[in-house]
Amino acid sequence: MKAQPLAALLWQIAVTFGSISLVAIGGANAVIPAIHHQVVEVLGWMSDTTFANLFAIAQAAPGPNVLMVSLIGWHVAGFAGLAVATLAMVVPTSLLALGAGRLVTRLAGVPLIRAAQRGLTPIAVGLILASGAVMAQAADSGLLAYAETGATALFVLTSERSPLWALAVAALVSILAGSTGLIR
């Protein structure tokens, strides 16, 4: 990443996350592929590994999923980047949600509104599944990592238990495999 003035960098952060926020149907996790594309592939602000690590920290920490965006802002431009990225991700989508909520309330009985609400559900699910695929590609390296990702996905799809159980087992397997020299 080449150096640029802080004001220009903060503007780029605001434009990037402000535009992504407007398509975040289903929350911040639903637009992880778009965020990854912008910050890793287009803007070159970080590597796949750094992106995956920031995602892991955001998911492990308590709080909203938008923490991922805050961590990216911090990584790129310190505290000012954190503030700008967070506000850019939250403010436009909040204003859009407020306006849409008022409109939907006013037009609650209109068949077109009901159809639009039903149509947004599969879009949100698809965006979240795409996020999982992007994160698996960014984080996985090696046969063990792919096996752990597949086993975790299978566990989540077939079990009513918390996904943290599968993640804990995967972490333990990785630690054991690393300490015994099975992976390097």
Protein backbone atom coordinates (compact mmCIF):
# COMPACT_ATOMS: atom_id res chain seq x y z
CA MET A 1 0.00 0.00 0.00
CA LYS A 2 1.53 3.30 -1.02
CA ALA A 3 1.46 6.19 1.43
CA GLN A 4 -1.16 8.87 0.98
CA PRO A 5 -2.25 11.85 3.08
CA LEU A 6 -4.39 10.89 6.08
CA ALA A 7 -7.35 12.99 4.89
CA ALA A 8 -7.37 11.21 1.51
CA LEU A 9 -7.10 7.81 3.19
CA LEU A 10 -9.95 8.61 5.58
CA TRP A 11 -12.09 9.78 2.66
CA GLN A 12 -11.35 6.52 0.83
CA ILE A 13 -12.33 4.55 3.96
CA ALA A 14 -15.58 6.54 4.24
CA VAL A 15 -16.52 6.04 0.58
CA THR A 16 -15.60 2.34 0.64
CA PHE A 17 -17.57 1.43 3.75
CA GLY A 18 -20.38 3.92 3.16
CA SER A 19 -21.17 2.37 -0.21
CA ILE A 20 -20.85 -1.20 1.09
CA SER A 21 -23.15 -0.40 4.01
CA LEU A 22 -26.02 0.36 1.65
CA VAL A 23 -26.11 -3.25 0.41
CA ALA A 24 -25.57 -4.88 3.83
CA ILE A 25 -28.84 -6.80 3.86
CA GLY A 26 -28.42 -9.19 6.77
CA GLY A 27 -25.77 -7.18 8.63
CA ALA A 28 -22.04 -6.65 8.29
CA ASN A 29 -21.28 -10.36 7.93
CA ALA A 30 -23.42 -10.48 4.80
CA VAL A 31 -21.04 -8.15 2.96
CA ILE A 32 -17.76 -9.79 4.00
CA PRO A 33 -17.08 -10.79 0.34
CA ALA A 34 -17.50 -7.18 -0.80
CA ILE A 35 -15.33 -5.90 2.06
CA HIS A 36 -12.66 -8.53 1.30
CA HIS A 37 -12.70 -7.64 -2.38
CA GLN A 38 -12.25 -3.94 -1.67
CA VAL A 39 -9.69 -3.99 1.15
CA VAL A 40 -7.56 -6.92 -0.06
CA GLU A 41 -7.89 -7.12 -3.83
CA VAL A 42 -8.76 -3.58 -4.98
CA LEU A 43 -7.18 -1.26 -2.41
CA GLY A 44 -4.42 -3.58 -1.17
CA TRP A 45 -4.79 -2.43 2.44
CA MET A 46 -3.97 -5.91 3.78
CA SER A 47 -3.29 -9.53 2.90
CA ASP A 48 -5.75 -12.44 3.00
CA THR A 49 -4.12 -13.60 6.23
CA THR A 50 -4.49 -10.23 7.94
CA PHE A 51 -8.11 -10.04 6.79
CA ALA A 52 -8.84 -13.52 8.15
CA ASN A 53 -7.13 -12.67 11.45
CA LEU A 54 -9.13 -9.46 11.86
CA PHE A 55 -12.32 -11.38 11.07
CA ALA A 56 -11.44 -13.99 13.71
CA ILE A 57 -10.82 -11.27 16.32
CA ALA A 58 -14.11 -9.56 15.45
CA GLN A 59 -16.05 -12.81 15.75
CA ALA A 60 -14.39 -13.81 19.02
CA ALA A 61 -15.02 -10.43 20.65
CA PRO A 62 -18.38 -9.65 22.19
CA GLY A 63 -20.43 -7.05 20.43
CA PRO A 64 -21.86 -6.37 16.98
CA ASN A 65 -20.48 -7.88 13.78
CA VAL A 66 -19.64 -4.39 12.51
CA LEU A 67 -16.53 -4.65 14.73
CA MET A 68 -14.82 -6.18 11.67
CA VAL A 69 -15.10 -2.86 9.86
CA SER A 70 -13.77 -1.00 12.90
CA LEU A 71 -10.71 -3.28 13.05
CA ILE A 72 -10.02 -2.74 9.35
CA GLY A 73 -10.22 1.03 9.86
CA TRP A 74 -7.83 0.77 12.81
CA HIS A 75 -5.41 -1.36 10.79
CA VAL A 76 -5.42 1.10 7.88
CA ALA A 77 -5.43 4.48 9.64
CA GLY A 78 -5.34 4.09 13.43
CA PHE A 79 -8.06 5.52 15.66
CA ALA A 80 -9.26 8.00 13.02
CA GLY A 81 -9.66 5.10 10.57
CA LEU A 82 -11.59 3.11 13.17
CA ALA A 83 -14.00 6.00 13.77
CA VAL A 84 -14.52 6.80 10.08
CA ALA A 85 -14.96 3.15 9.03
CA THR A 86 -17.45 2.47 11.82
CA LEU A 87 -19.51 5.60 11.16
CA ALA A 88 -19.42 5.01 7.39
CA MET A 89 -20.73 1.47 7.88
CA VAL A 90 -23.41 2.38 10.43
CA VAL A 91 -24.82 5.82 9.54
CA PRO A 92 -25.92 5.35 5.89
CA THR A 93 -27.51 1.96 6.51
CA SER A 94 -29.20 3.21 9.69
CA LEU A 95 -30.73 6.15 7.83
CA LEU A 96 -31.84 3.82 5.04
CA ALA A 97 -33.37 1.40 7.55
CA LEU A 98 -35.18 4.24 9.32
CA GLY A 99 -36.66 5.50 6.07
CA ALA A 100 -37.55 2.02 4.82
CA GLY A 101 -39.10 1.13 8.18
CA ARG A 102 -41.33 4.18 8.09
CA LEU A 103 -42.35 3.46 4.51
CA VAL A 104 -43.10 -0.22 5.22
CA THR A 105 -45.17 0.75 8.25
CA ARG A 106 -47.16 3.21 6.18
CA LEU A 107 -47.70 0.71 3.34
CA ALA A 108 -48.04 -2.49 5.43
CA GLY A 109 -51.06 -3.89 3.56
CA VAL A 110 -49.70 -3.41 0.04
CA PRO A 111 -48.97 -6.78 -1.67
CA LEU A 112 -45.79 -5.42 -3.29
CA ILE A 113 -44.34 -4.62 0.15
CA ARG A 114 -45.09 -8.14 1.43
CA ALA A 115 -43.47 -9.64 -1.69
CA ALA A 116 -40.38 -7.48 -1.25
CA GLN A 117 -40.05 -8.58 2.38
CA ARG A 118 -40.29 -12.25 1.38
CA GLY A 119 -37.77 -11.70 -1.43
CA LEU A 120 -35.15 -10.14 0.83
CA THR A 121 -34.86 -13.23 3.04
CA PRO A 122 -33.13 -15.47 0.47
CA ILE A 123 -30.91 -12.55 -0.55
CA ALA A 124 -29.70 -12.16 3.04
CA VAL A 125 -29.12 -15.91 3.38
CA GLY A 126 -27.18 -15.99 0.09
CA LEU A 127 -24.99 -13.06 1.13
CA ILE A 128 -24.17 -14.72 4.44
CA LEU A 129 -23.30 -18.02 2.69
CA ALA A 130 -21.04 -16.11 0.29
CA SER A 131 -19.34 -14.55 3.32
CA GLY A 132 -18.60 -18.00 4.69
CA ALA A 133 -17.12 -19.11 1.37
CA VAL A 134 -14.86 -16.05 1.13
CA MET A 135 -13.65 -16.47 4.71
CA ALA A 136 -12.91 -20.16 4.13
CA GLN A 137 -10.83 -19.29 1.07
CA ALA A 138 -8.98 -16.50 2.88
CA ALA A 139 -8.24 -18.48 6.05
CA ASP A 140 -7.67 -22.04 4.86
CA SER A 141 -4.24 -23.24 3.86
CA GLY A 142 -3.51 -26.90 3.79
CA LEU A 143 -5.44 -30.13 4.00
CA LEU A 144 -6.06 -29.94 7.77
CA ALA A 145 -7.56 -26.44 7.51
CA TYR A 146 -9.87 -27.50 4.68
CA ALA A 147 -10.94 -30.60 6.63
CA GLU A 148 -11.63 -28.50 9.73
CA THR A 149 -13.67 -26.00 7.71
CA GLY A 150 -15.71 -28.78 6.11
CA ALA A 151 -16.29 -30.54 9.43
CA THR A 152 -17.28 -27.28 11.12
CA ALA A 153 -19.72 -26.40 8.33
CA LEU A 154 -21.23 -29.90 8.50
CA PHE A 155 -21.56 -29.62 12.29
CA VAL A 156 -23.32 -26.26 12.03
CA LEU A 157 -25.71 -27.51 9.34
CA THR A 158 -26.65 -30.73 11.12
CA SER A 159 -26.53 -29.83 14.80
CA GLU A 160 -28.54 -27.63 17.11
CA ARG A 161 -25.45 -27.01 19.26
CA SER A 162 -23.46 -23.81 19.31
CA PRO A 163 -20.86 -23.48 16.51
CA LEU A 164 -18.34 -22.64 19.23
CA TRP A 165 -18.12 -26.37 20.00
CA ALA A 166 -16.89 -27.11 16.48
CA LEU A 167 -14.52 -24.15 16.54
CA ALA A 168 -13.07 -25.27 19.88
CA VAL A 169 -12.49 -28.80 18.56
CA ALA A 170 -10.88 -27.42 15.38
CA ALA A 171 -8.59 -25.18 17.44
CA LEU A 172 -7.60 -28.11 19.66
CA VAL A 173 -6.90 -30.33 16.64
CA SER A 174 -4.75 -27.60 15.08
CA ILE A 175 -2.81 -27.07 18.30
CA LEU A 176 -2.23 -30.80 18.70
CA ALA A 177 -1.24 -31.23 15.06
CA GLY A 178 1.14 -28.27 15.30
CA SER A 179 2.76 -29.45 18.54
CA THR A 180 3.28 -32.98 17.21
CA GLY A 181 4.82 -31.75 13.97
CA LEU A 182 2.01 -32.93 11.72
CA ILE A 183 1.62 -29.44 10.30
CA ARG A 184 4.13 -26.69 9.83
